[in-house]
Amino acid sequence: MPNFAGNWKMKSSENFDDLLKALGVNAMLRKVACAAASKPHVEIRQNGEQFYIKTSTTVRTTEINFHVGQEFSEETVDGRKCKSLATWETDSKMFCKQTLLDGVGPKTYWTRELRGDELILVRVLLLHISIATGSSQYIGQMYSNNTQFH
């Protein structure tokens, strides 16, 4: 099992503004969010499959506690309340599906993956999903934000 524990500082971030725009966040709030998220501090404590993740920016601090394989409450990147379920996708990558409590809105999930001495956080938003039955046709839009910490 990988050890995600530590204090992580952002190395790079891609497409965060596009992700917020796709979520319907207005331009002024996006500007504030992008500025605040430009230097987040992430603290992760891990005891086996029990996790505590605290993300601090100049605007807000979020904290989540969860056990891999057990549903927990959190908020999406734009502040909507959801139930989440984290599972191991690989031996070094955690996948977390988020289900909105009100049931209205895009599908979202995040992954956290250890690659050497870096932690990669990816937030994904799926919009306009349409899958044709009986074929492999898939139509949709996907927005993602890729953030690297070291």
C-alpha atoms as a PDB file:
ATOM      1  CA  MET A   1       0.000   0.000   0.000  1.00  0.00           C
ATOM      2  CA  PRO A   2       1.407   3.426  -0.936  1.00  0.00           C
ATOM      3  CA  ASN A   3       2.158   6.020   1.717  1.00  0.00           C
ATOM      4  CA  PHE A   4       0.527   9.338   0.784  1.00  0.00           C
ATOM      5  CA  ALA A   5       1.354  10.923   4.170  1.00  0.00           C
ATOM      6  CA  GLY A   6       3.210  14.204   4.188  1.00  0.00           C
ATOM      7  CA  ASN A   7       3.005  17.903   3.491  1.00  0.00           C
ATOM      8  CA  TRP A   8       2.670  18.635  -0.200  1.00  0.00           C
ATOM      9  CA  LYS A   9       3.266  21.898  -2.097  1.00  0.00           C
ATOM     10  CA  MET A  10       1.914  22.542  -5.576  1.00  0.00           C
ATOM     11  CA  LYS A  11       4.429  22.230  -8.389  1.00  0.00           C
ATOM     12  CA  SER A  12       2.063  22.865 -11.332  1.00  0.00           C
ATOM     13  CA  SER A  13      -1.619  23.042 -12.259  1.00  0.00           C
ATOM     14  CA  GLU A  14      -3.371  22.848 -15.615  1.00  0.00           C
ATOM     15  CA  ASN A  15      -6.918  23.719 -16.743  1.00  0.00           C
ATOM     16  CA  PHE A  16      -8.341  24.741 -13.337  1.00  0.00           C
ATOM     17  CA  ASP A  17     -10.088  27.815 -14.798  1.00  0.00           C
ATOM     18  CA  ASP A  18     -11.595  25.698 -17.604  1.00  0.00           C
ATOM     19  CA  LEU A  19     -12.897  23.187 -15.053  1.00  0.00           C
ATOM     20  CA  LEU A  20     -14.515  25.948 -12.971  1.00  0.00           C
ATOM     21  CA  LYS A  21     -15.994  27.550 -16.098  1.00  0.00           C
ATOM     22  CA  ALA A  22     -17.533  24.207 -17.124  1.00  0.00           C
ATOM     23  CA  LEU A  23     -19.046  23.948 -13.635  1.00  0.00           C
ATOM     24  CA  GLY A  24     -20.752  27.313 -14.186  1.00  0.00           C
ATOM     25  CA  VAL A  25     -18.629  29.360 -11.767  1.00  0.00           C
ATOM     26  CA  ASN A  26     -18.770  33.057 -12.746  1.00  0.00           C
ATOM     27  CA  ALA A  27     -15.669  34.922 -13.965  1.00  0.00           C
ATOM     28  CA  MET A  28     -15.087  36.920 -10.754  1.00  0.00           C
ATOM     29  CA  LEU A  29     -15.260  33.838  -8.511  1.00  0.00           C
ATOM     30  CA  ARG A  30     -13.060  31.880 -10.946  1.00  0.00           C
ATOM     31  CA  LYS A  31     -10.408  34.592 -10.763  1.00  0.00           C
ATOM     32  CA  VAL A  32     -10.455  34.526  -6.944  1.00  0.00           C
ATOM     33  CA  ALA A  33     -10.444  30.702  -6.864  1.00  0.00           C
ATOM     34  CA  CYS A  34      -7.553  30.421  -9.324  1.00  0.00           C
ATOM     35  CA  ALA A  35      -5.490  32.983  -7.388  1.00  0.00           C
ATOM     36  CA  ALA A  36      -6.199  31.236  -4.079  1.00  0.00           C
ATOM     37  CA  ALA A  37      -5.499  27.795  -5.511  1.00  0.00           C
ATOM     38  CA  SER A  38      -2.177  28.886  -6.994  1.00  0.00           C
ATOM     39  CA  LYS A  39      -0.257  27.942  -3.830  1.00  0.00           C
ATOM     40  CA  PRO A  40      -2.275  25.411  -1.827  1.00  0.00           C
ATOM     41  CA  HIS A  41      -0.740  23.522   1.055  1.00  0.00           C
ATOM     42  CA  VAL A  42      -1.910  19.913   1.350  1.00  0.00           C
ATOM     43  CA  GLU A  43      -1.408  17.858   4.491  1.00  0.00           C
ATOM     44  CA  ILE A  44      -2.149  14.141   4.287  1.00  0.00           C
ATOM     45  CA  ARG A  45      -2.188  11.807   7.258  1.00  0.00           C
ATOM     46  CA  GLN A  46      -2.587   8.112   6.590  1.00  0.00           C
ATOM     47  CA  ASN A  47      -3.040   5.133   8.876  1.00  0.00           C
ATOM     48  CA  GLY A  48      -3.450   2.093   6.638  1.00  0.00           C
ATOM     49  CA  GLU A  49      -6.563   2.834   4.578  1.00  0.00           C
ATOM     50  CA  GLN A  50      -7.734   5.675   6.838  1.00  0.00           C
ATOM     51  CA  PHE A  51      -7.006   9.138   5.388  1.00  0.00           C
ATOM     52  CA  TYR A  52      -7.155  12.723   6.596  1.00  0.00           C
ATOM     53  CA  ILE A  53      -6.564  15.343   3.883  1.00  0.00           C
ATOM     54  CA  LYS A  54      -6.400  19.054   4.695  1.00  0.00           C
ATOM     55  CA  THR A  55      -6.086  21.534   1.832  1.00  0.00           C
ATOM     56  CA  SER A  56      -5.342  25.140   2.801  1.00  0.00           C
ATOM     57  CA  THR A  57      -5.434  28.173   0.521  1.00  0.00           C
ATOM     58  CA  THR A  58      -5.617  31.901   1.253  1.00  0.00           C
ATOM     59  CA  VAL A  59      -9.409  31.780   0.775  1.00  0.00           C
ATOM     60  CA  ARG A  60     -10.496  28.564   2.497  1.00  0.00           C
ATOM     61  CA  THR A  61      -9.434  25.363   4.143  1.00  0.00           C
ATOM     62  CA  THR A  62     -11.092  22.017   3.472  1.00  0.00           C
ATOM     63  CA  GLU A  63     -10.692  18.831   5.463  1.00  0.00           C
ATOM     64  CA  ILE A  64     -11.857  15.319   4.679  1.00  0.00           C
ATOM     65  CA  ASN A  65     -11.596  12.132   6.695  1.00  0.00           C
ATOM     66  CA  PHE A  66     -12.317   8.826   5.020  1.00  0.00           C
ATOM     67  CA  HIS A  67     -11.560   5.143   4.899  1.00  0.00           C
ATOM     68  CA  VAL A  68     -10.897   3.618   1.472  1.00  0.00           C
ATOM     69  CA  GLY A  69     -13.911   1.504   0.495  1.00  0.00           C
ATOM     70  CA  GLN A  70     -16.380   3.369   2.759  1.00  0.00           C
ATOM     71  CA  GLU A  71     -18.698   6.186   1.664  1.00  0.00           C
ATOM     72  CA  PHE A  72     -18.022   9.647   3.145  1.00  0.00           C
ATOM     73  CA  SER A  73     -19.290  13.229   2.824  1.00  0.00           C
ATOM     74  CA  GLU A  74     -17.339  16.001   1.122  1.00  0.00           C
ATOM     75  CA  GLU A  75     -17.831  18.913  -1.277  1.00  0.00           C
ATOM     76  CA  THR A  76     -16.975  19.135  -4.953  1.00  0.00           C
ATOM     77  CA  VAL A  77     -14.386  21.702  -6.061  1.00  0.00           C
ATOM     78  CA  ASP A  78     -17.234  24.232  -6.591  1.00  0.00           C
ATOM     79  CA  GLY A  79     -18.748  23.644  -3.137  1.00  0.00           C
ATOM     80  CA  ARG A  80     -21.629  21.256  -3.871  1.00  0.00           C
ATOM     81  CA  LYS A  81     -22.278  18.632  -1.174  1.00  0.00           C
ATOM     82  CA  CYS A  82     -21.749  15.039  -2.224  1.00  0.00           C
ATOM     83  CA  LYS A  83     -21.232  11.487  -1.043  1.00  0.00           C
ATOM     84  CA  SER A  84     -17.928  10.048  -2.147  1.00  0.00           C
ATOM     85  CA  LEU A  85     -16.377   6.615  -2.351  1.00  0.00           C
ATOM     86  CA  ALA A  86     -12.610   6.164  -2.665  1.00  0.00           C
ATOM     87  CA  THR A  87     -11.175   2.899  -3.979  1.00  0.00           C
ATOM     88  CA  TRP A  88      -7.752   1.752  -5.157  1.00  0.00           C
ATOM     89  CA  GLU A  89      -7.500   1.913  -8.954  1.00  0.00           C
ATOM     90  CA  THR A  90      -3.911   0.620  -8.904  1.00  0.00           C
ATOM     91  CA  ASP A  91      -1.431  -0.040  -6.124  1.00  0.00           C
ATOM     92  CA  SER A  92      -0.350   3.637  -6.272  1.00  0.00           C
ATOM     93  CA  LYS A  93      -3.538   5.386  -7.455  1.00  0.00           C
ATOM     94  CA  MET A  94      -6.741   6.169  -5.572  1.00  0.00           C
ATOM     95  CA  PHE A  95     -10.000   6.833  -7.476  1.00  0.00           C
ATOM     96  CA  CYS A  96     -12.891   8.689  -5.802  1.00  0.00           C
ATOM     97  CA  LYS A  97     -16.361   8.906  -7.347  1.00  0.00           C
ATOM     98  CA  GLN A  98     -18.492  11.830  -6.146  1.00  0.00           C
ATOM     99  CA  THR A  99     -22.310  11.608  -6.137  1.00  0.00           C
ATOM    100  CA  LEU A 100     -24.198  14.871  -5.627  1.00  0.00           C
ATOM    101  CA  LEU A 101     -26.692  14.849  -2.758  1.00  0.00           C
ATOM    102  CA  ASP A 102     -29.311  16.758  -4.763  1.00  0.00           C
ATOM    103  CA  GLY A 103     -28.705  14.536  -7.798  1.00  0.00           C
ATOM    104  CA  VAL A 104     -28.560  17.490 -10.197  1.00  0.00           C
ATOM    105  CA  GLY A 105     -25.367  18.394 -12.016  1.00  0.00           C
ATOM    106  CA  PRO A 106     -22.387  16.919 -13.784  1.00  0.00           C
ATOM    107  CA  LYS A 107     -20.625  13.716 -12.789  1.00  0.00           C
ATOM    108  CA  THR A 108     -17.351  14.368 -10.984  1.00  0.00           C
ATOM    109  CA  TYR A 109     -14.482  12.354  -9.594  1.00  0.00           C
ATOM    110  CA  TRP A 110     -10.899  12.799  -8.468  1.00  0.00           C
ATOM    111  CA  THR A 111      -7.793  10.658  -8.422  1.00  0.00           C
ATOM    112  CA  ARG A 112      -4.642  10.906  -6.351  1.00  0.00           C
ATOM    113  CA  GLU A 113      -1.578   9.045  -7.548  1.00  0.00           C
ATOM    114  CA  LEU A 114       1.969   8.728  -6.254  1.00  0.00           C
ATOM    115  CA  ARG A 115       4.658   8.897  -8.950  1.00  0.00           C
ATOM    116  CA  GLY A 116       8.079   8.802  -7.358  1.00  0.00           C
ATOM    117  CA  ASP A 117       8.243  11.771  -4.996  1.00  0.00           C
ATOM    118  CA  GLU A 118       5.250  13.529  -6.604  1.00  0.00           C
ATOM    119  CA  LEU A 119       1.550  13.399  -5.787  1.00  0.00           C
ATOM    120  CA  ILE A 120      -0.706  13.894  -8.814  1.00  0.00           C
ATOM    121  CA  LEU A 121      -4.266  15.137  -8.186  1.00  0.00           C
ATOM    122  CA  VAL A 122      -6.689  14.993 -11.113  1.00  0.00           C
ATOM    123  CA  ARG A 123     -10.238  16.377 -10.865  1.00  0.00           C
ATOM    124  CA  VAL A 124     -12.598  15.388 -13.670  1.00  0.00           C
ATOM    125  CA  LEU A 125     -16.001  16.683 -14.721  1.00  0.00           C
ATOM    126  CA  LEU A 126     -18.159  14.812 -17.248  1.00  0.00           C
ATOM    127  CA  LEU A 127     -20.888  16.719 -19.129  1.00  0.00           C
ATOM    128  CA  HIS A 128     -23.488  15.783 -21.729  1.00  0.00           C
ATOM    129  CA  ILE A 129     -22.965  12.055 -21.587  1.00  0.00           C
ATOM    130  CA  SER A 130     -24.746   9.975 -24.209  1.00  0.00           C
ATOM    131  CA  ILE A 131     -23.994   6.338 -24.858  1.00  0.00           C
ATOM    132  CA  ALA A 132     -25.804   4.535 -27.685  1.00  0.00           C
ATOM    133  CA  THR A 133     -27.058   1.077 -26.761  1.00  0.00           C
ATOM    134  CA  GLY A 134     -25.826  -1.793 -28.837  1.00  0.00           C
ATOM    135  CA  SER A 135     -22.798   0.087 -30.116  1.00  0.00           C
ATOM    136  CA  SER A 136     -19.609   1.626 -28.857  1.00  0.00           C
ATOM    137  CA  GLN A 137     -20.688   5.178 -29.723  1.00  0.00           C
ATOM    138  CA  TYR A 138     -19.884   7.677 -26.969  1.00  0.00           C
ATOM    139  CA  ILE A 139     -20.635  11.370 -27.105  1.00  0.00           C
ATOM    140  CA  GLY A 140     -19.673  13.690 -24.298  1.00  0.00           C
ATOM    141  CA  GLN A 141     -17.486  16.407 -22.916  1.00  0.00           C
ATOM    142  CA  MET A 142     -14.839  15.935 -20.274  1.00  0.00           C
ATOM    143  CA  TYR A 143     -12.959  18.637 -18.402  1.00  0.00           C
ATOM    144  CA  SER A 144     -10.042  17.855 -16.141  1.00  0.00           C
ATOM    145  CA  ASN A 145      -7.643  19.691 -13.869  1.00  0.00           C
ATOM    146  CA  ASN A 146      -4.227  18.104 -13.337  1.00  0.00           C
ATOM    147  CA  THR A 147      -2.227  19.320 -10.326  1.00  0.00           C
ATOM    148  CA  GLN A 148       1.236  18.095  -9.313  1.00  0.00           C
ATOM    149  CA  PHE A 149       2.608  18.355  -5.768  1.00  0.00           C
ATOM    150  CA  HIS A 150       6.075  17.673  -4.438  1.00  0.00           C
END
